[in-house]
Amino acid sequence: MVELRHSTSSLGGRNSTSPMKRDEDSSPLVPDHRPIDDDDDHDRHPSRYRSFFSDLHSHIPEDVRVSLLNNNKISFCLLFLALLASVIFLSWIFSQWNAPYLCKKDGIVLNCPRVKEPPSLWENPYSATTSWTPCAERRDGISDVPPENETTGYIFIHAEGGLNQQRIADDVRIVRDIPEWFTDKSELFSSIRRTVKNIPKYAPAQFYIDNVLPRVKEKKIMALKPFVDRLGYDNVPPEINRLRCRVNYHALKFLPEIEQMSDLLASRMQNRTGGSNPYMALHLRFEKGMVGLSFCDFVGTREEKAKMAEYRKKEWPRRFKNGKHLWHLALQKRKEGRCPLEPGEVAVILRAMGYPKETQIYVASGQVYGGQNRMAPLRNMFPNLVTKEELATREELDHFRKHVTSLAALDFLVCLKSDVFVMTHGGNFAKLIIGARRYMGHRQKSIKPDKGLMSKSFGDPYIGWANFVEDVVFIHQTRTGLPEETFPNYDLWENPLTPCMCKA
């Protein structure tokens, strides 16, 4: 309390100072009574200096004054031009660096600024790929095919479509012919009694034990319909999943002529520039059927959109309905990453990753929807882009044209042998390639764009090129085929890490 009273008293003493006195001490309006110095004298006699400069100007000759004036004008003009050039140059630099997310568009040409190539442009870092090794190869001690009286029965597989027709077995015990002891072979194809139908997709192993095995034991030979992707991956004995990898990566091979032709195409890709160079394989899924089936909305003219609507209505009438719900559906699917990437979008993503204009690209694709106009942005940004038809002669491919699946097999193997593989949409073709490249050691890059996150960047009209590049690099740093732990409902063909691979 004493200190408080003392402070208050002191403060009161200061406050009691006369306001008039404070104003007299601090007001700038009160004349200053300090002695006048030389500076004050200069301020009070400006006319003296004006007179001096006037006299000096009168003694300078006229021609000298004109010359000085002209020199000043020239110097001013040069300075102005230099400043103008600097502004234009800086504006150009800024516009190039901060270009829109789809780069500068000139008709069907996209111009994206070049990005510094990262050290791991063509392969994954060695340190990140040495922790796992393949371990699904055939083991010793596995017996041969059991005799007839010991076998549970046979499952008849009709391989149709896809790559199945080009692959043959080496060490997996597949019976090519119906056993001689089965007398009524025609019954297998004509009687529904020997076919298990309507098997659920990704059914658990117990379903086959309860529903298929008893009928196989009874009839000795049974056909399964449908067959693809019928067995689940979760809660399946590890040896069964290991058998899947053994069949896919060790036992099943392509026919010799397909292997030889694919080696020739891969060699030509590696030597297109006259010397050894890496090449990228791009699986571009943008055919009319895929675009239609996706029910996604893509950039195009009104005429194109109307024709696509008619095509969808004809091919998928139950899904099309009246078409009113499709716009909302298309937006939702794009946000979820379920729409195939357009060629122009692929080009921008690859450039943002650091791949230069000189990159050699092999394109595995059917007839692209929209033709050359749709392909132009990709081809203009990466002119060293070829297909098997451009890489091989017509005579070399004639033998394989008899079967569309043979041409698909060539694409498959050239993609498998590439330094970098890029997929643009899902499907067994791309999944098998990524899975095989992972199984071979994860060193080869297999880029799987995150279409969901990319759709947000593509849909942002204000994002700059620098920010877009940063987003692409950050999003895809772990989507290049590196070791990735499996998770529930994972796809074994795309990620065979466990149980097909073991710790090194």
Protein backbone atom coordinates (compact mmCIF):
# COMPACT_ATOMS: atom_id res chain seq x y z
CA MET A 1 0.00 0.00 0.00
CA VAL A 2 2.86 2.36 0.73
CA GLU A 3 4.40 1.82 -2.67
CA LEU A 4 1.02 2.22 -4.35
CA ARG A 5 0.39 5.53 -2.60
CA HIS A 6 3.88 6.71 -3.46
CA SER A 7 3.41 5.89 -7.12
CA THR A 8 0.08 7.57 -7.19
CA SER A 9 1.49 10.67 -5.61
CA SER A 10 4.33 10.79 -8.03
CA LEU A 11 2.00 10.31 -10.94
CA GLY A 12 -0.24 13.03 -9.57
CA GLY A 13 2.72 15.35 -9.37
CA ARG A 14 3.47 14.80 -13.00
CA ASN A 15 -0.15 15.30 -13.93
CA SER A 16 -0.30 18.57 -12.08
CA THR A 17 2.14 20.07 -14.53
CA SER A 18 0.42 22.87 -16.36
CA PRO A 19 -0.91 21.94 -19.80
CA MET A 20 0.04 25.39 -20.93
CA LYS A 21 3.63 24.77 -19.89
CA ARG A 22 3.76 21.42 -21.74
CA ASP A 23 2.41 23.04 -24.87
CA GLU A 24 4.97 25.85 -24.70
CA ASP A 25 7.80 23.32 -24.45
CA SER A 26 6.72 21.00 -27.24
CA SER A 27 4.56 22.86 -29.71
CA PRO A 28 6.15 23.31 -33.14
CA LEU A 29 4.27 26.59 -33.45
CA VAL A 30 6.29 28.32 -30.76
CA PRO A 31 9.32 30.23 -32.15
CA ASP A 32 12.64 28.66 -31.38
CA HIS A 33 14.91 31.05 -29.41
CA ARG A 34 18.12 29.12 -30.16
CA PRO A 35 20.97 31.03 -31.89
CA ILE A 36 20.71 31.18 -35.64
CA ASP A 37 23.27 28.97 -37.42
CA ASP A 38 24.50 28.94 -41.02
CA ASP A 39 21.88 26.47 -42.15
CA ASP A 40 19.11 28.78 -41.07
CA ASP A 41 20.76 31.55 -42.98
CA HIS A 42 20.80 29.45 -46.14
CA ASP A 43 17.11 28.70 -45.75
CA ARG A 44 16.26 32.36 -45.44
CA HIS A 45 18.24 33.43 -48.53
CA PRO A 46 17.31 31.12 -51.43
CA SER A 47 17.34 33.98 -53.89
CA ARG A 48 21.13 34.23 -53.53
CA TYR A 49 21.56 30.71 -54.97
CA ARG A 50 19.02 31.23 -57.73
CA SER A 51 20.95 34.29 -58.83
CA PHE A 52 24.20 32.28 -58.89
CA PHE A 53 22.79 29.54 -61.13
CA SER A 54 21.21 32.13 -63.43
CA ASP A 55 24.57 33.81 -63.93
CA LEU A 56 26.23 30.40 -64.56
CA HIS A 57 23.60 29.47 -67.16
CA SER A 58 24.07 32.81 -68.97
CA HIS A 59 27.81 32.20 -69.39
CA ILE A 60 27.33 28.69 -71.03
CA PRO A 61 27.39 28.92 -74.85
CA GLU A 62 24.14 28.18 -76.69
CA ASP A 63 25.52 25.25 -78.72
CA VAL A 64 26.85 23.60 -75.56
CA ARG A 65 23.47 24.00 -73.89
CA VAL A 66 21.72 22.42 -76.92
CA SER A 67 24.24 19.55 -76.98
CA LEU A 68 23.73 18.86 -73.30
CA LEU A 69 19.96 18.94 -73.75
CA ASN A 70 20.10 16.49 -76.68
CA ASN A 71 22.40 14.16 -74.77
CA ASN A 72 19.98 14.18 -71.86
CA LYS A 73 17.09 13.27 -74.17
CA ILE A 74 19.07 10.39 -75.72
CA SER A 75 20.10 9.11 -72.31
CA PHE A 76 16.52 9.31 -71.13
CA CYS A 77 15.25 7.40 -74.18
CA LEU A 78 17.89 4.69 -73.77
CA LEU A 79 17.07 4.37 -70.09
CA PHE A 80 13.36 4.14 -70.87
CA LEU A 81 13.93 1.44 -73.51
CA ALA A 82 16.13 -0.54 -71.13
CA LEU A 83 13.48 -0.38 -68.42
CA LEU A 84 10.76 -1.39 -70.89
CA ALA A 85 12.82 -4.37 -72.11
CA SER A 86 13.46 -5.44 -68.52
CA VAL A 87 9.74 -5.31 -67.69
CA ILE A 88 8.84 -7.34 -70.79
CA PHE A 89 11.54 -9.93 -70.07
CA LEU A 90 10.53 -10.30 -66.42
CA SER A 91 6.88 -10.60 -67.42
CA TRP A 92 7.77 -13.33 -69.91
CA ILE A 93 9.79 -15.22 -67.30
CA PHE A 94 6.93 -14.95 -64.82
CA SER A 95 4.35 -16.09 -67.36
CA GLN A 96 6.48 -19.08 -68.32
CA TRP A 97 7.03 -20.13 -64.74
CA ASN A 98 3.47 -19.43 -63.65
CA ALA A 99 1.77 -20.87 -66.72
CA PRO A 100 -1.71 -22.39 -66.30
CA TYR A 101 -1.98 -26.00 -65.15
CA LEU A 102 -2.56 -27.22 -68.70
CA CYS A 103 0.29 -25.06 -69.92
CA LYS A 104 -0.02 -22.59 -72.76
CA LYS A 105 -2.45 -23.89 -75.35
CA ASP A 106 -2.07 -22.91 -78.98
CA GLY A 107 -4.80 -24.73 -80.85
CA ILE A 108 -4.04 -28.41 -80.32
CA VAL A 109 -0.47 -27.74 -79.12
CA LEU A 110 0.42 -27.61 -75.43
CA ASN A 111 3.61 -25.79 -74.40
CA CYS A 112 4.76 -26.67 -70.89
CA PRO A 113 7.95 -25.25 -69.36
CA ARG A 114 10.74 -27.78 -68.98
CA VAL A 115 11.29 -29.18 -65.49
CA LYS A 116 14.61 -30.18 -63.97
CA GLU A 117 15.09 -33.93 -64.34
CA PRO A 118 15.31 -35.70 -60.95
CA PRO A 119 18.07 -38.28 -60.35
CA SER A 120 15.53 -41.15 -60.21
CA LEU A 121 13.83 -40.22 -63.49
CA TRP A 122 14.35 -43.63 -65.11
CA GLU A 123 14.56 -46.04 -62.19
CA ASN A 124 13.60 -46.29 -58.55
CA PRO A 125 16.32 -45.60 -55.95
CA TYR A 126 18.40 -48.71 -55.37
CA SER A 127 18.24 -48.38 -51.59
CA ALA A 128 14.43 -48.55 -51.66
CA THR A 129 14.22 -51.72 -53.77
CA THR A 130 16.54 -54.22 -52.09
CA SER A 131 14.46 -55.35 -49.12
CA TRP A 132 12.29 -57.93 -50.96
CA THR A 133 13.09 -60.83 -53.29
CA PRO A 134 10.82 -63.23 -55.25
CA CYS A 135 10.11 -66.50 -53.47
CA ALA A 136 7.17 -68.09 -55.29
CA GLU A 137 9.20 -70.34 -57.60
CA ARG A 138 8.45 -74.04 -57.67
CA ARG A 139 9.81 -75.85 -54.66
CA ASP A 140 11.37 -79.29 -54.47
CA GLY A 141 9.29 -82.12 -53.14
CA ILE A 142 6.09 -81.32 -55.02
CA SER A 143 4.77 -84.53 -56.51
CA ASP A 144 3.72 -85.07 -60.09
CA VAL A 145 0.12 -85.35 -61.22
CA PRO A 146 -1.53 -88.06 -59.12
CA PRO A 147 -2.90 -91.13 -60.86
CA GLU A 148 -6.55 -91.32 -61.84
CA ASN A 149 -7.65 -93.34 -58.81
CA GLU A 150 -6.10 -90.80 -56.43
CA THR A 151 -7.23 -87.52 -57.98
CA THR A 152 -10.22 -85.58 -56.73
CA GLY A 153 -11.20 -84.68 -60.27
CA TYR A 154 -10.53 -82.20 -63.06
CA ILE A 155 -11.61 -78.62 -63.68
CA PHE A 156 -12.17 -77.70 -67.30
CA ILE A 157 -10.89 -74.22 -68.18
CA HIS A 158 -11.89 -72.53 -71.42
CA ALA A 159 -9.37 -69.72 -71.95
CA GLU A 160 -10.98 -67.05 -74.07
CA GLY A 161 -9.96 -63.51 -74.84
CA GLY A 162 -7.19 -61.46 -73.29
CA LEU A 163 -3.65 -62.77 -73.14
CA ASN A 164 -4.54 -66.28 -72.05
CA GLN A 165 -4.43 -67.70 -75.57
CA GLN A 166 -0.77 -66.80 -76.04
CA ARG A 167 0.56 -68.38 -72.88
CA ILE A 168 1.70 -71.96 -72.37
CA ALA A 169 2.62 -73.93 -69.27
CA ASP A 170 6.11 -75.11 -68.36
CA ASP A 171 6.06 -76.54 -64.87
CA VAL A 172 2.49 -76.11 -63.58
CA ARG A 173 0.61 -79.34 -64.07
CA ILE A 174 -2.10 -78.42 -66.53
CA VAL A 175 -3.82 -81.24 -68.42
CA ARG A 176 -4.25 -80.24 -72.05
CA ASP A 177 -6.61 -83.08 -73.03
CA ILE A 178 -9.57 -84.71 -71.38
CA PRO A 179 -8.40 -88.04 -69.92
CA GLU A 180 -9.03 -91.14 -72.00
CA TRP A 181 -11.04 -92.74 -69.24
CA PHE A 182 -13.70 -90.06 -69.62
CA THR A 183 -15.81 -91.72 -72.29
CA ASP A 184 -18.63 -89.26 -72.91
CA LYS A 185 -16.64 -86.14 -73.77
CA SER A 186 -19.52 -84.45 -75.58
CA GLU A 187 -21.48 -84.36 -72.35
CA LEU A 188 -19.01 -81.87 -70.94
CA PHE A 189 -20.02 -79.26 -73.50
CA SER A 190 -23.71 -80.03 -73.84
CA SER A 191 -24.88 -80.70 -70.28
CA ILE A 192 -25.28 -77.94 -67.72
CA ARG A 193 -24.92 -80.62 -65.05
CA ARG A 194 -21.16 -80.46 -65.46
CA THR A 195 -20.88 -76.69 -65.16
CA VAL A 196 -20.83 -74.66 -61.96
CA LYS A 197 -22.35 -71.32 -62.87
CA ASN A 198 -22.86 -67.94 -61.22
CA ILE A 199 -19.80 -68.08 -58.99
CA PRO A 200 -19.57 -64.82 -57.03
CA LYS A 201 -16.67 -62.51 -57.83
CA TYR A 202 -13.82 -62.81 -55.31
CA ALA A 203 -15.57 -65.67 -53.53
CA PRO A 204 -13.76 -67.00 -50.43
CA ALA A 205 -11.99 -70.34 -50.54
CA GLN A 206 -14.72 -71.87 -48.37
CA PHE A 207 -17.25 -71.29 -51.15
CA TYR A 208 -15.32 -73.64 -53.43
CA ILE A 209 -14.91 -76.21 -50.69
CA ASP A 210 -18.64 -76.20 -49.97
CA ASN A 211 -20.08 -75.78 -53.49
CA VAL A 212 -17.54 -76.82 -56.11
CA LEU A 213 -15.47 -79.61 -54.59
CA PRO A 214 -18.43 -81.99 -53.96
CA ARG A 215 -19.54 -81.71 -57.60
CA VAL A 216 -16.01 -82.22 -58.86
CA LYS A 217 -15.75 -85.38 -56.80
CA GLU A 218 -19.08 -86.58 -58.12
CA LYS A 219 -18.71 -85.77 -61.82
CA LYS A 220 -14.89 -86.04 -62.03
CA ILE A 221 -14.80 -83.14 -64.52
CA MET A 222 -16.46 -79.78 -63.99
CA ALA A 223 -16.39 -76.48 -65.84
CA LEU A 224 -16.55 -73.17 -63.96
CA LYS A 225 -18.44 -70.24 -65.43
CA PRO A 226 -17.45 -67.49 -65.22
CA PHE A 227 -13.83 -68.10 -64.23
CA VAL A 228 -11.85 -64.82 -64.16
CA ASP A 229 -11.42 -63.15 -60.76
CA ARG A 230 -13.64 -65.65 -59.00
CA LEU A 231 -11.40 -66.48 -56.03
CA GLY A 232 -10.72 -63.83 -53.40
CA TYR A 233 -7.29 -62.87 -52.11
CA ASP A 234 -8.03 -62.50 -48.41
CA ASN A 235 -8.36 -65.42 -46.00
CA VAL A 236 -6.89 -67.76 -48.59
CA PRO A 237 -4.14 -70.20 -47.58
CA PRO A 238 -0.72 -68.62 -48.32
CA GLU A 239 0.27 -71.55 -50.51
CA ILE A 240 -2.70 -70.90 -52.80
CA ASN A 241 -1.72 -67.27 -53.33
CA ARG A 242 1.90 -68.37 -53.80
CA LEU A 243 0.69 -70.81 -56.45
CA ARG A 244 -0.97 -67.93 -58.25
CA CYS A 245 2.35 -66.11 -58.51
CA ARG A 246 4.15 -69.32 -59.47
CA VAL A 247 1.73 -69.81 -62.35
CA ASN A 248 1.82 -66.20 -63.49
CA TYR A 249 5.53 -65.33 -63.14
CA HIS A 250 7.28 -68.67 -63.58
CA ALA A 251 5.11 -71.20 -65.39
CA LEU A 252 3.12 -69.38 -68.04
CA LYS A 253 5.16 -68.17 -71.00
CA PHE A 254 4.30 -66.60 -74.32
CA LEU A 255 4.71 -68.48 -77.56
CA PRO A 256 8.29 -68.33 -78.95
CA GLU A 257 7.40 -66.22 -82.01
CA ILE A 258 5.71 -63.62 -79.79
CA GLU A 259 8.71 -63.53 -77.44
CA GLN A 260 11.12 -63.07 -80.37
CA MET A 261 9.11 -60.27 -81.99
CA SER A 262 8.72 -58.43 -78.69
CA ASP A 263 12.50 -58.62 -78.13
CA LEU A 264 13.01 -57.10 -81.58
CA LEU A 265 10.58 -54.24 -80.88
CA ALA A 266 12.15 -53.52 -77.47
CA SER A 267 15.63 -53.48 -79.06
CA ARG A 268 14.48 -50.98 -81.68
CA MET A 269 13.05 -48.73 -78.98
CA GLN A 270 16.36 -48.77 -77.13
CA ASN A 271 18.36 -47.90 -80.25
CA ARG A 272 16.13 -45.39 -82.04
CA THR A 273 18.62 -42.56 -81.51
CA GLY A 274 21.59 -44.54 -82.80
CA GLY A 275 22.80 -45.40 -79.31
CA SER A 276 21.48 -47.05 -76.20
CA ASN A 277 18.73 -45.01 -74.57
CA PRO A 278 15.93 -45.73 -72.07
CA TYR A 279 12.35 -45.77 -73.23
CA MET A 280 8.94 -45.35 -71.65
CA ALA A 281 5.94 -47.57 -72.35
CA LEU A 282 2.53 -45.93 -72.06
CA HIS A 283 -0.65 -47.98 -71.81
CA LEU A 284 -3.19 -45.48 -73.08
CA ARG A 285 -6.75 -46.64 -72.42
CA PHE A 286 -8.82 -44.12 -74.30
CA GLU A 287 -10.64 -46.19 -76.88
CA LYS A 288 -14.27 -45.44 -77.73
CA GLY A 289 -15.50 -48.46 -75.79
CA MET A 290 -13.57 -47.48 -72.66
CA VAL A 291 -14.70 -43.85 -72.87
CA GLY A 292 -18.29 -44.97 -73.29
CA LEU A 293 -18.18 -47.58 -70.53
CA SER A 294 -16.61 -45.11 -68.08
CA PHE A 295 -19.65 -42.79 -68.31
CA CYS A 296 -17.26 -39.90 -67.64
CA ASP A 297 -17.45 -36.49 -69.28
CA PHE A 298 -14.57 -35.38 -71.50
CA VAL A 299 -13.69 -32.22 -73.39
CA GLY A 300 -15.17 -32.24 -76.88
CA THR A 301 -17.57 -30.60 -79.29
CA ARG A 302 -21.34 -30.76 -78.89
CA GLU A 303 -21.49 -33.12 -81.85
CA GLU A 304 -19.00 -35.49 -80.20
CA LYS A 305 -20.92 -35.45 -76.93
CA ALA A 306 -24.21 -36.12 -78.70
CA LYS A 307 -22.75 -39.08 -80.60
CA MET A 308 -21.26 -40.48 -77.39
CA ALA A 309 -24.62 -40.17 -75.66
CA GLU A 310 -26.28 -42.14 -78.47
CA TYR A 311 -23.53 -44.76 -78.31
CA ARG A 312 -23.95 -45.19 -74.56
CA LYS A 313 -27.71 -45.36 -74.87
CA LYS A 314 -27.37 -48.14 -77.44
CA GLU A 315 -24.67 -50.19 -75.68
CA TRP A 316 -25.72 -49.72 -72.03
CA PRO A 317 -29.42 -48.78 -72.05
CA ARG A 318 -30.07 -49.84 -68.44
CA ARG A 319 -27.24 -47.65 -67.14
CA PHE A 320 -28.03 -44.77 -69.48
CA LYS A 321 -31.72 -44.54 -68.57
CA ASN A 322 -32.74 -41.04 -69.70
CA GLY A 323 -29.27 -39.54 -69.32
CA LYS A 324 -30.28 -36.87 -66.80
CA HIS A 325 -28.27 -38.34 -63.93
CA LEU A 326 -25.07 -38.82 -65.93
CA TRP A 327 -23.57 -35.35 -65.39
CA HIS A 328 -23.58 -35.72 -61.60
CA LEU A 329 -22.30 -39.27 -61.97
CA ALA A 330 -19.45 -38.11 -64.21
CA LEU A 331 -18.31 -35.47 -61.72
CA GLN A 332 -18.40 -37.96 -58.87
CA LYS A 333 -16.43 -40.57 -60.79
CA ARG A 334 -13.77 -38.03 -61.74
CA LYS A 335 -13.32 -36.99 -58.10
CA GLU A 336 -12.94 -40.65 -57.15
CA GLY A 337 -10.31 -41.21 -59.85
CA ARG A 338 -12.43 -43.62 -61.89
CA CYS A 339 -12.12 -41.82 -65.22
CA PRO A 340 -9.40 -42.65 -67.78
CA LEU A 341 -6.85 -39.90 -68.37
CA GLU A 342 -6.96 -38.04 -71.67
CA PRO A 343 -3.76 -38.00 -73.78
CA GLY A 344 -3.27 -34.28 -73.09
CA GLU A 345 -3.58 -34.82 -69.34
CA VAL A 346 -1.00 -37.62 -69.50
CA ALA A 347 1.39 -35.33 -71.39
CA VAL A 348 1.15 -32.59 -68.76
CA ILE A 349 1.70 -35.03 -65.88
CA LEU A 350 4.77 -36.56 -67.54
CA ARG A 351 6.28 -33.14 -68.25
CA ALA A 352 5.67 -32.10 -64.64
CA MET A 353 7.51 -35.24 -63.48
CA GLY A 354 10.56 -34.06 -65.41
CA TYR A 355 10.43 -36.11 -68.62
CA PRO A 356 11.86 -33.96 -71.44
CA LYS A 357 10.68 -33.53 -75.00
CA GLU A 358 13.29 -36.03 -76.23
CA THR A 359 11.78 -38.95 -74.24
CA GLN A 360 11.25 -42.10 -76.31
CA ILE A 361 7.69 -43.38 -75.73
CA TYR A 362 6.11 -46.64 -76.89
CA VAL A 363 2.31 -46.41 -76.88
CA ALA A 364 0.24 -49.54 -76.32
CA SER A 365 -3.29 -48.65 -77.25
CA GLY A 366 -6.21 -49.40 -79.46
CA GLN A 367 -7.74 -46.74 -81.71
CA VAL A 368 -7.86 -43.59 -79.58
CA TYR A 369 -11.27 -41.95 -79.28
CA GLY A 370 -11.12 -38.62 -81.10
CA GLY A 371 -8.32 -39.72 -83.44
CA GLN A 372 -5.30 -37.58 -84.20
CA ASN A 373 -6.82 -34.41 -82.76
CA ARG A 374 -7.14 -36.08 -79.38
CA MET A 375 -3.60 -37.47 -79.59
CA ALA A 376 -2.06 -34.21 -80.85
CA PRO A 377 -1.26 -32.63 -77.43
CA LEU A 378 0.61 -35.77 -76.34
CA ARG A 379 2.40 -36.25 -79.66
CA ASN A 380 3.37 -32.58 -79.96
CA MET A 381 4.81 -32.48 -76.45
CA PHE A 382 6.61 -35.81 -76.92
CA PRO A 383 7.33 -36.16 -80.66
CA ASN A 384 9.42 -39.34 -80.20
CA LEU A 385 6.25 -41.35 -79.70
CA VAL A 386 5.64 -44.56 -81.65
CA THR A 387 3.37 -47.59 -81.80
CA LYS A 388 4.24 -51.11 -82.91
CA GLU A 389 2.80 -50.29 -86.34
CA GLU A 390 5.36 -47.48 -86.69
CA LEU A 391 8.19 -49.51 -85.18
CA ALA A 392 7.78 -52.65 -87.32
CA THR A 393 7.09 -53.28 -90.99
CA ARG A 394 3.72 -54.44 -92.22
CA GLU A 395 5.22 -57.78 -93.25
CA GLU A 396 6.61 -58.34 -89.76
CA LEU A 397 3.21 -57.83 -88.18
CA ASP A 398 1.09 -59.68 -90.74
CA HIS A 399 1.61 -62.98 -88.97
CA PHE A 400 0.21 -61.53 -85.74
CA ARG A 401 -2.74 -59.69 -87.27
CA LYS A 402 -4.71 -62.93 -87.53
CA HIS A 403 -5.45 -62.67 -83.80
CA VAL A 404 -6.04 -59.38 -82.05
CA THR A 405 -4.81 -60.96 -78.84
CA SER A 406 -1.46 -61.67 -80.48
CA LEU A 407 -0.99 -57.95 -81.08
CA ALA A 408 -1.98 -57.30 -77.46
CA ALA A 409 0.65 -59.83 -76.37
CA LEU A 410 3.34 -57.89 -78.26
CA ASP A 411 2.29 -54.69 -76.51
CA PHE A 412 2.32 -56.51 -73.18
CA LEU A 413 5.89 -57.72 -73.52
CA VAL A 414 7.31 -54.45 -74.89
CA CYS A 415 5.71 -52.66 -71.92
CA LEU A 416 7.09 -55.27 -69.54
CA LYS A 417 10.65 -54.76 -70.85
CA SER A 418 10.50 -50.93 -70.77
CA ASP A 419 12.54 -48.76 -68.39
CA VAL A 420 9.43 -46.89 -67.24
CA PHE A 421 5.84 -48.07 -67.55
CA VAL A 422 2.89 -45.68 -67.21
CA MET A 423 -0.73 -46.76 -66.92
CA THR A 424 -3.64 -44.37 -67.47
CA HIS A 425 -6.54 -46.54 -66.32
CA GLY A 426 -7.18 -49.85 -64.59
CA GLY A 427 -7.50 -53.27 -66.17
CA ASN A 428 -5.84 -56.68 -66.08
CA PHE A 429 -3.29 -55.67 -68.75
CA ALA A 430 -1.73 -52.90 -66.68
CA LYS A 431 -2.12 -54.72 -63.37
CA LEU A 432 -0.23 -57.77 -64.64
CA ILE A 433 2.61 -55.59 -65.97
CA ILE A 434 2.97 -53.62 -62.72
CA GLY A 435 2.81 -56.82 -60.68
CA ALA A 436 5.45 -58.55 -62.80
CA ARG A 437 7.81 -55.55 -62.64
CA ARG A 438 7.41 -55.44 -58.86
CA TYR A 439 8.04 -59.16 -58.63
CA MET A 440 11.25 -58.74 -60.64
CA GLY A 441 12.65 -56.46 -57.94
CA HIS A 442 10.81 -53.10 -57.84
CA ARG A 443 13.73 -51.37 -59.56
CA GLN A 444 11.86 -50.64 -62.77
CA LYS A 445 9.53 -47.66 -62.39
CA SER A 446 5.84 -48.36 -62.87
CA ILE A 447 3.93 -45.10 -62.59
CA LYS A 448 0.30 -45.24 -61.57
CA PRO A 449 -1.13 -41.70 -61.65
CA ASP A 450 -3.41 -40.72 -58.79
CA LYS A 451 -6.34 -39.70 -60.96
CA GLY A 452 -8.48 -38.60 -58.04
CA LEU A 453 -6.00 -36.06 -56.68
CA MET A 454 -4.96 -35.03 -60.19
CA SER A 455 -8.59 -34.21 -61.03
CA LYS A 456 -8.52 -31.53 -58.32
CA SER A 457 -5.46 -29.89 -59.88
CA PHE A 458 -6.84 -30.17 -63.40
CA GLY A 459 -10.09 -28.62 -62.18
CA ASP A 460 -8.38 -25.64 -60.52
CA PRO A 461 -8.27 -22.74 -63.01
CA TYR A 462 -5.97 -20.67 -60.77
CA ILE A 463 -3.18 -23.13 -60.06
CA GLY A 464 0.18 -22.09 -61.47
CA TRP A 465 2.66 -24.32 -63.26
CA ALA A 466 5.16 -24.28 -60.37
CA ASN A 467 2.50 -25.35 -57.87
CA PHE A 468 1.20 -27.99 -60.25
CA VAL A 469 4.69 -29.47 -60.66
CA GLU A 470 5.12 -29.53 -56.89
CA ASP A 471 1.79 -31.34 -56.46
CA VAL A 472 2.58 -33.94 -59.13
CA VAL A 473 6.01 -34.75 -57.69
CA PHE A 474 4.72 -34.99 -54.12
CA ILE A 475 1.67 -37.10 -54.98
CA HIS A 476 3.58 -39.64 -57.08
CA GLN A 477 6.78 -40.08 -55.10
CA THR A 478 5.38 -43.37 -53.71
CA ARG A 479 3.42 -44.44 -56.80
CA THR A 480 6.30 -45.72 -58.92
CA GLY A 481 6.19 -49.44 -58.17
CA LEU A 482 8.10 -49.36 -54.89
CA PRO A 483 7.54 -52.09 -52.26
CA GLU A 484 4.11 -51.55 -50.78
CA GLU A 485 2.52 -53.53 -47.98
CA THR A 486 -0.68 -55.30 -48.92
CA PHE A 487 -4.02 -54.43 -47.38
CA PRO A 488 -7.48 -56.04 -47.20
CA ASN A 489 -9.03 -56.64 -50.62
CA TYR A 490 -5.71 -55.89 -52.34
CA ASP A 491 -5.10 -57.14 -55.86
CA LEU A 492 -2.44 -59.87 -55.90
CA TRP A 493 -1.70 -59.37 -59.60
CA GLU A 494 -0.83 -55.71 -59.10
CA ASN A 495 0.99 -56.11 -55.79
CA PRO A 496 2.54 -59.56 -55.19
CA LEU A 497 4.62 -58.42 -52.22
CA THR A 498 3.18 -60.99 -49.83
CA PRO A 499 3.10 -63.95 -49.85
CA CYS A 500 4.94 -64.10 -53.21
CA MET A 501 8.01 -62.16 -52.02
CA CYS A 502 10.21 -62.58 -48.98
CA LYS A 503 12.46 -60.30 -46.96
CA ALA A 504 15.94 -60.16 -48.46
